[in-house]
Amino acid sequence: MHTAHGSHPPLELHNLAFLTPLPGLSLHVAKGECVALLGIGTGHEDLTRLTDVLAGHMPSYGGQMRVGGEDVTHRPTGQRRLATLGAHAPLFPHLTLAENILFPLRAAGQVSAAECERRTLETLSLVGLDGRSALKATRLTPEQAVRGQLARALVMRPECLVLNAPFSTLDHTATTRMLALLEKLQRAIGLSLLLLTRDRTEALMAGDRIGILENGVLLQLATPPDLLSRPEHEQVAIAFGEANVLTGKVLYAEDDIAELRLPTGETVEAMAAPGLAEQDLANICIPPDRLSVMFPRQAPTQPEEQDMLLCTLVSARHVGTAIHMRFRMRDGGELIAHRPPVHTLRDLEPGRVALLAWQTANATAFPMDQKTG
């Protein structure tokens, strides 16, 4: 089975206003690409509202939606060559798996009975549900039910598939298998995906590009490495990079690099976000896995050199592939560092003095009064 081909992107949004009075959303999903929108912030209606607007269940407040190059902004549900998947669209419990998959084909009334049967068997095979077509939906495991939802969406051969928190009913192992299946379908049939999620790990595992959506406002859309190394907003650094945040005063800022003084007196360097100026107060964001940690044999009373922070180890937790360390700074603030498990926990007794540092390129300083765009 192959999705429709064309020279236009499967999905294009041009200033699509789905939450008033917020600015519209602009993005595109390329053929075979997965764009993940990671929802952050206090609001939780943005991803559901966006799904409803894309599917045609609710109207937009302006802008345009194009699918395969065609303007579908005002087309009714079911005529947009788009499919959605998630808790909002469960399988019908009184129908068998095959009947659930056949339902949208029969409702469309554009495919012969023989073609319906062929597509159903083909799609069941694609999602790994061979031999389960006669099972009622209530007898499926949670993972099989999600695979069934996926089959029901794919049988219509959509240009793009929109997934709204699709794995909320699954455990970690089942979610990992589903993500692997979606990646396989991207390669095998050129499946194009727009994943809407509040789970950072899901976004990282699935997204070729990731957009950070704060209460309906797109802060940044980029590849994961770019989001981690050059976040454009403090919120992106914190939510996506799980960054530590330090406060400092800018001593100078030029050539995209800033030197800052911390309340404890140390001076550090970071990449300067746009708008950062000398004498500004700034928030310095450093991802936990970009911190270097050194445990000197003799505890110093001052940092040995510039760009080092003198801290005390509060706790260390082994989490498998890394050790999560929590440090207290001299002013009482705390930093989290994620380091490879090269130390035993016996060597990481609370109270040990440590020197923490980072490369300039791994930290970003944002003006404290930065507003979302």
Protein backbone atom coordinates (compact mmCIF):
# COMPACT_ATOMS: atom_id res chain seq x y z
CA MET A 1 0.00 0.00 0.00
CA HIS A 2 1.24 3.47 -0.84
CA THR A 3 0.00 6.88 0.14
CA ALA A 4 -0.76 9.39 -2.59
CA HIS A 5 2.22 11.03 -4.24
CA GLY A 6 2.60 14.61 -5.40
CA SER A 7 4.97 17.52 -5.63
CA HIS A 8 3.23 19.44 -2.84
CA PRO A 9 3.81 18.78 0.87
CA PRO A 10 1.19 16.44 2.33
CA LEU A 11 0.23 19.10 4.91
CA GLU A 12 0.72 22.87 4.93
CA LEU A 13 -0.63 25.31 7.50
CA HIS A 14 -0.48 29.02 6.72
CA ASN A 15 -1.34 31.21 9.71
CA LEU A 16 -4.04 28.76 10.71
CA ALA A 17 -5.75 30.37 13.71
CA PHE A 18 -7.11 27.59 15.90
CA LEU A 19 -7.17 29.40 19.26
CA THR A 20 -8.41 32.96 19.53
CA PRO A 21 -6.92 35.54 19.95
CA LEU A 22 -3.55 33.87 19.42
CA PRO A 23 -1.50 34.21 16.19
CA GLY A 24 -1.98 31.56 13.54
CA LEU A 25 0.15 28.44 13.16
CA SER A 26 2.42 28.03 10.14
CA LEU A 27 4.29 24.82 9.31
CA HIS A 28 4.53 22.07 6.73
CA VAL A 29 5.01 18.31 6.86
CA ALA A 30 7.13 16.85 4.07
CA LYS A 31 6.57 13.48 2.41
CA GLY A 32 7.62 10.71 4.80
CA GLU A 33 8.42 13.19 7.57
CA CYS A 34 7.23 13.28 11.16
CA VAL A 35 6.78 16.74 12.67
CA ALA A 36 6.14 16.54 16.41
CA LEU A 37 4.49 19.41 18.24
CA LEU A 38 5.41 19.28 21.92
CA GLY A 39 2.77 21.03 24.00
CA ILE A 40 4.05 22.90 27.05
CA GLY A 41 2.55 25.50 29.37
CA THR A 42 -0.43 25.50 31.70
CA GLY A 43 -3.16 25.19 29.07
CA HIS A 44 -4.17 21.75 27.87
CA GLU A 45 -6.81 22.49 25.28
CA ASP A 46 -4.47 23.56 22.47
CA LEU A 47 -3.60 20.11 21.08
CA THR A 48 -7.21 18.92 21.18
CA ARG A 49 -8.47 22.12 19.59
CA LEU A 50 -5.83 21.89 16.84
CA THR A 51 -6.83 18.29 16.13
CA ASP A 52 -10.50 19.26 15.87
CA VAL A 53 -9.73 22.14 13.50
CA LEU A 54 -7.49 19.98 11.29
CA ALA A 55 -10.11 17.23 11.12
CA GLY A 56 -12.90 19.70 10.34
CA HIS A 57 -14.85 19.11 13.55
CA MET A 58 -14.43 22.78 14.51
CA PRO A 59 -13.87 25.87 12.34
CA SER A 60 -10.66 27.87 12.29
CA TYR A 61 -10.55 31.61 12.98
CA GLY A 62 -8.55 32.35 9.86
CA GLY A 63 -5.62 31.18 7.79
CA GLN A 64 -5.35 28.29 5.37
CA MET A 65 -4.86 24.53 5.45
CA ARG A 66 -3.59 22.72 2.37
CA VAL A 67 -3.36 18.95 1.93
CA GLY A 68 -1.36 17.71 -1.05
CA GLY A 69 -1.48 21.24 -2.48
CA GLU A 70 -5.28 21.55 -2.28
CA ASP A 71 -7.00 24.09 -0.05
CA VAL A 72 -9.15 22.07 2.36
CA THR A 73 -9.71 24.81 4.96
CA HIS A 74 -13.48 24.74 4.57
CA ARG A 75 -14.03 21.17 3.46
CA PRO A 76 -16.17 18.98 5.75
CA THR A 77 -14.82 16.17 7.88
CA GLY A 78 -13.94 13.10 5.84
CA GLN A 79 -13.16 15.06 2.68
CA ARG A 80 -9.78 16.48 3.65
CA ARG A 81 -7.56 13.46 2.78
CA LEU A 82 -6.38 13.64 6.37
CA ALA A 83 -6.80 11.09 9.18
CA THR A 84 -6.56 11.52 12.95
CA LEU A 85 -5.66 9.02 15.63
CA GLY A 86 -5.92 9.21 19.42
CA ALA A 87 -8.18 8.73 22.43
CA HIS A 88 -10.74 11.01 20.73
CA ALA A 89 -11.44 8.30 18.12
CA PRO A 90 -11.62 4.86 19.79
CA LEU A 91 -12.65 1.70 18.00
CA PHE A 92 -16.35 0.86 18.06
CA PRO A 93 -16.63 -1.76 20.83
CA HIS A 94 -19.56 -3.67 19.29
CA LEU A 95 -17.75 -4.22 15.97
CA THR A 96 -14.99 -6.65 15.06
CA LEU A 97 -11.57 -5.34 14.13
CA ALA A 98 -12.27 -5.90 10.42
CA GLU A 99 -15.64 -4.14 10.69
CA ASN A 100 -13.97 -1.17 12.40
CA ILE A 101 -11.45 -0.89 9.60
CA LEU A 102 -14.12 -1.27 6.93
CA PHE A 103 -16.36 1.38 8.50
CA PRO A 104 -14.81 4.50 6.90
CA LEU A 105 -14.49 2.76 3.52
CA ARG A 106 -18.14 1.78 3.51
CA ALA A 107 -19.19 5.22 4.74
CA ALA A 108 -17.32 6.83 1.82
CA GLY A 109 -19.05 4.48 -0.63
CA GLN A 110 -16.36 4.90 -3.27
CA VAL A 111 -14.65 1.50 -3.14
CA SER A 112 -15.95 -1.87 -4.32
CA ALA A 113 -16.57 -4.71 -1.87
CA ALA A 114 -13.60 -6.65 -3.27
CA GLU A 115 -11.30 -3.64 -2.92
CA CYS A 116 -12.55 -3.07 0.63
CA GLU A 117 -11.65 -6.64 1.52
CA ARG A 118 -8.22 -6.39 -0.11
CA ARG A 119 -7.38 -3.09 1.62
CA THR A 120 -8.50 -4.42 4.98
CA LEU A 121 -6.26 -7.49 4.81
CA GLU A 122 -3.34 -5.44 3.50
CA THR A 123 -3.68 -2.83 6.23
CA LEU A 124 -4.01 -5.43 8.99
CA SER A 125 -0.74 -6.93 7.79
CA LEU A 126 0.95 -3.52 7.76
CA VAL A 127 0.14 -2.89 11.43
CA GLY A 128 0.91 -6.43 12.60
CA LEU A 129 -2.65 -7.61 13.27
CA ASP A 130 -2.84 -10.56 10.88
CA GLY A 131 -5.26 -13.20 12.08
CA ARG A 132 -7.12 -10.91 14.49
CA SER A 133 -9.70 -9.47 12.10
CA ALA A 134 -12.61 -11.38 13.67
CA LEU A 135 -11.93 -10.22 17.25
CA LYS A 136 -14.33 -7.76 18.82
CA ALA A 137 -12.65 -4.48 19.77
CA THR A 138 -13.29 -5.23 23.46
CA ARG A 139 -11.06 -8.32 23.25
CA LEU A 140 -8.02 -6.44 21.96
CA THR A 141 -5.13 -5.47 24.21
CA PRO A 142 -4.49 -1.70 24.57
CA GLU A 143 -1.63 -1.94 22.06
CA GLN A 144 -3.71 -3.94 19.59
CA ALA A 145 -6.50 -1.37 19.91
CA VAL A 146 -4.09 1.44 18.99
CA ARG A 147 -2.82 -0.63 16.06
CA GLY A 148 -6.45 -1.11 15.04
CA GLN A 149 -7.04 2.65 15.17
CA LEU A 150 -3.94 3.10 13.03
CA ALA A 151 -5.24 0.54 10.51
CA ARG A 152 -8.63 2.28 10.35
CA ALA A 153 -6.83 5.55 9.58
CA LEU A 154 -4.44 4.06 7.01
CA VAL A 155 -7.11 2.19 5.07
CA MET A 156 -8.32 5.55 3.71
CA ARG A 157 -4.81 6.27 2.38
CA PRO A 158 -4.52 9.75 3.84
CA GLU A 159 -1.94 12.27 2.69
CA CYS A 160 -1.04 12.92 6.33
CA LEU A 161 -1.86 11.29 9.66
CA VAL A 162 -2.44 13.50 12.73
CA LEU A 163 -1.78 11.74 16.04
CA ASN A 164 -3.10 13.43 19.19
CA ALA A 165 -1.47 11.85 22.29
CA PRO A 166 -1.95 8.46 20.62
CA PHE A 167 -0.13 6.36 23.22
CA SER A 168 -1.81 7.63 26.41
CA THR A 169 -3.26 4.16 27.12
CA LEU A 170 0.03 2.29 26.62
CA ASP A 171 2.95 1.41 28.85
CA HIS A 172 6.52 2.32 27.96
CA THR A 173 7.32 -0.95 26.17
CA ALA A 174 4.19 -0.84 24.01
CA THR A 175 4.78 2.84 23.22
CA THR A 176 8.32 2.02 22.07
CA ARG A 177 6.98 -0.69 19.75
CA MET A 178 4.37 1.67 18.31
CA LEU A 179 6.98 4.35 17.64
CA ALA A 180 9.12 1.75 15.86
CA LEU A 181 6.10 0.74 13.76
CA LEU A 182 5.41 4.33 12.73
CA GLU A 183 9.06 4.78 11.74
CA LYS A 184 8.84 1.59 9.66
CA LEU A 185 5.71 2.88 7.90
CA GLN A 186 7.44 6.19 7.15
CA ARG A 187 10.11 4.27 5.25
CA ALA A 188 7.86 1.61 3.71
CA ILE A 189 4.93 3.69 2.41
CA GLY A 190 6.16 7.28 2.81
CA LEU A 191 3.74 7.93 5.68
CA SER A 192 3.67 11.59 6.74
CA LEU A 193 2.92 12.34 10.39
CA LEU A 194 1.98 15.27 12.58
CA LEU A 195 2.42 14.09 16.17
CA LEU A 196 0.79 16.17 18.92
CA THR A 197 2.14 15.24 22.33
CA ARG A 198 3.04 16.51 25.79
CA ASP A 199 5.69 13.81 26.21
CA ARG A 200 9.21 15.02 25.48
CA THR A 201 10.55 11.49 24.98
CA GLU A 202 7.86 10.70 22.40
CA ALA A 203 8.68 13.90 20.53
CA LEU A 204 12.39 13.08 20.53
CA MET A 205 11.92 9.47 19.43
CA ALA A 206 9.46 10.26 16.64
CA GLY A 207 10.09 13.79 15.40
CA ASP A 208 12.35 14.56 12.46
CA ARG A 209 11.56 18.15 13.41
CA ILE A 210 10.00 19.27 16.68
CA GLY A 211 7.90 22.35 17.35
CA ILE A 212 7.53 23.72 20.88
CA LEU A 213 3.93 24.84 21.32
CA GLU A 214 3.33 26.90 24.47
CA ASN A 215 -0.39 27.29 25.13
CA GLY A 216 -1.06 27.36 21.40
CA VAL A 217 1.87 29.60 20.38
CA LEU A 218 4.66 28.03 18.30
CA LEU A 219 7.90 29.18 19.92
CA GLN A 220 10.35 27.31 17.70
CA LEU A 221 10.33 24.56 15.07
CA ALA A 222 13.67 22.88 14.37
CA THR A 223 15.58 19.61 14.45
CA PRO A 224 16.24 18.17 17.92
CA PRO A 225 19.96 19.06 17.85
CA ASP A 226 19.14 22.69 16.98
CA LEU A 227 16.54 22.92 19.73
CA LEU A 228 19.06 21.62 22.24
CA SER A 229 22.05 23.67 21.14
CA ARG A 230 20.37 26.93 20.06
CA PRO A 231 17.00 27.40 21.73
CA GLU A 232 15.38 30.69 20.73
CA HIS A 233 13.35 31.04 23.93
CA GLU A 234 14.04 30.33 27.58
CA GLN A 235 10.86 28.22 27.65
CA VAL A 236 12.28 26.01 24.88
CA ALA A 237 15.54 25.48 26.79
CA ILE A 238 13.70 24.54 29.98
CA ALA A 239 10.90 22.41 28.56
CA PHE A 240 12.83 20.67 25.79
CA GLY A 241 16.40 20.70 27.08
CA GLU A 242 15.34 20.28 30.74
CA ALA A 243 17.79 23.10 31.37
CA ASN A 244 19.09 24.38 34.66
CA VAL A 245 18.46 28.11 35.03
CA LEU A 246 20.94 30.49 36.68
CA THR A 247 20.55 34.25 37.06
CA GLY A 248 23.41 36.56 36.15
CA LYS A 249 24.28 40.12 35.16
CA VAL A 250 25.71 40.69 31.69
CA LEU A 251 29.25 42.12 31.82
CA TYR A 252 29.55 42.22 28.05
CA ALA A 253 27.76 40.74 25.04
CA GLU A 254 29.25 40.69 21.56
CA ASP A 255 29.70 38.25 18.67
CA ASP A 256 26.84 36.13 20.08
CA ILE A 257 28.79 35.47 23.30
CA ALA A 258 28.05 36.95 26.70
CA GLU A 259 30.07 37.05 29.90
CA LEU A 260 27.97 37.15 33.04
CA ARG A 261 28.53 37.48 36.78
CA LEU A 262 26.53 35.22 39.07
CA PRO A 263 25.23 36.27 42.53
CA THR A 264 27.96 34.05 44.03
CA GLY A 265 30.63 36.15 42.31
CA GLU A 266 31.77 33.68 39.65
CA THR A 267 31.89 34.79 36.03
CA VAL A 268 30.68 32.46 33.27
CA GLU A 269 30.15 32.55 29.53
CA ALA A 270 27.12 31.61 27.44
CA MET A 271 25.70 32.16 23.98
CA ALA A 272 23.78 35.44 23.88
CA ALA A 273 20.12 35.27 22.82
CA PRO A 274 18.88 38.07 20.54
CA GLY A 275 18.24 41.27 22.43
CA LEU A 276 20.71 40.58 25.24
CA ALA A 277 22.68 43.72 26.16
CA GLU A 278 25.37 44.79 28.60
CA GLN A 279 24.14 45.31 32.19
CA ASP A 280 21.00 43.22 31.54
CA LEU A 281 19.84 40.68 34.06
CA ALA A 282 19.70 37.33 32.30
CA ASN A 283 18.61 33.74 32.79
CA ILE A 284 21.35 31.31 31.81
CA CYS A 285 20.05 27.93 30.63
CA ILE A 286 22.34 24.87 30.73
CA PRO A 287 21.08 21.35 29.91
CA PRO A 288 21.98 18.80 32.63
CA ASP A 289 23.91 16.59 30.21
CA ARG A 290 26.14 19.50 29.14
CA LEU A 291 27.59 20.09 32.61
CA SER A 292 31.09 18.82 33.34
CA VAL A 293 31.68 17.62 36.91
CA MET A 294 35.04 17.37 38.67
CA PHE A 295 35.65 16.14 42.21
CA PRO A 296 38.98 17.59 43.40
CA ARG A 297 41.05 15.56 45.87
CA GLN A 298 41.36 18.54 48.16
CA ALA A 299 38.30 20.71 48.62
CA PRO A 300 39.05 24.27 47.38
CA THR A 301 37.53 27.32 49.05
CA GLN A 302 37.30 29.16 45.71
CA PRO A 303 36.95 27.94 42.11
CA GLU A 304 40.32 27.05 40.64
CA GLU A 305 39.73 29.12 37.50
CA GLN A 306 37.16 31.26 35.71
CA ASP A 307 33.99 29.57 34.40
CA MET A 308 33.94 27.02 37.22
CA LEU A 309 31.29 26.86 39.92
CA LEU A 310 32.07 25.60 43.41
CA CYS A 311 29.23 23.33 44.55
CA THR A 312 28.38 20.61 47.05
CA LEU A 313 26.89 17.27 46.04
CA VAL A 314 23.42 16.83 47.56
CA SER A 315 22.46 13.47 46.05
CA ALA A 316 23.22 11.03 43.24
CA ARG A 317 20.84 8.56 41.64
CA HIS A 318 21.79 5.82 39.17
CA VAL A 319 19.14 5.66 36.41
CA GLY A 320 20.71 3.02 34.17
CA THR A 321 22.61 4.79 31.41
CA ALA A 322 23.44 7.85 33.51
CA ILE A 323 23.83 9.17 37.03
CA HIS A 324 21.63 12.11 37.98
CA MET A 325 23.50 14.36 40.39
CA ARG A 326 22.02 17.25 42.37
CA PHE A 327 24.37 20.00 43.55
CA ARG A 328 23.92 23.01 45.83
CA MET A 329 25.64 26.26 44.92
CA ARG A 330 27.11 28.66 47.47
CA ASP A 331 24.02 30.89 47.33
CA GLY A 332 21.70 27.95 48.00
CA GLY A 333 20.61 27.47 44.38
CA GLU A 334 20.70 23.99 42.88
CA LEU A 335 21.97 22.45 39.65
CA ILE A 336 21.21 19.04 38.13
CA ALA A 337 23.89 17.21 36.15
CA HIS A 338 23.46 14.03 34.10
CA ARG A 339 26.76 12.20 33.74
CA PRO A 340 27.83 8.77 32.42
CA PRO A 341 28.02 6.09 35.15
CA VAL A 342 31.79 6.24 35.54
CA HIS A 343 31.52 6.65 39.32
CA THR A 344 30.08 4.18 41.80
CA LEU A 345 27.44 5.54 44.13
CA ARG A 346 29.85 4.78 46.99
CA ASP A 347 32.17 7.41 45.50
CA LEU A 348 29.31 9.91 45.34
CA GLU A 349 28.59 10.52 48.99
CA PRO A 350 26.50 13.63 49.77
CA GLY A 351 28.62 16.53 50.92
CA ARG A 352 31.45 16.06 48.42
CA VAL A 353 32.79 19.31 46.99
CA ALA A 354 32.69 19.56 43.20
CA LEU A 355 33.62 21.98 40.44
CA LEU A 356 31.04 22.37 37.67
CA ALA A 357 31.70 23.91 34.26
CA TRP A 358 30.34 23.98 30.71
CA GLN A 359 31.44 24.93 27.23
CA THR A 360 30.17 28.33 26.10
CA ALA A 361 28.26 26.83 23.17
CA ASN A 362 26.26 24.61 25.54
CA ALA A 363 24.57 27.42 27.48
CA THR A 364 22.31 30.26 26.37
CA ALA A 365 21.64 33.54 28.18
CA PHE A 366 18.18 35.09 27.70
CA PRO A 367 17.03 38.59 28.78
CA MET A 368 14.92 38.16 31.91
CA ASP A 369 12.09 40.22 30.42
CA GLN A 370 11.87 38.10 27.21
CA LYS A 371 8.29 37.61 26.09
CA THR A 372 6.86 34.78 24.02
CA GLY A 373 6.34 35.60 20.35
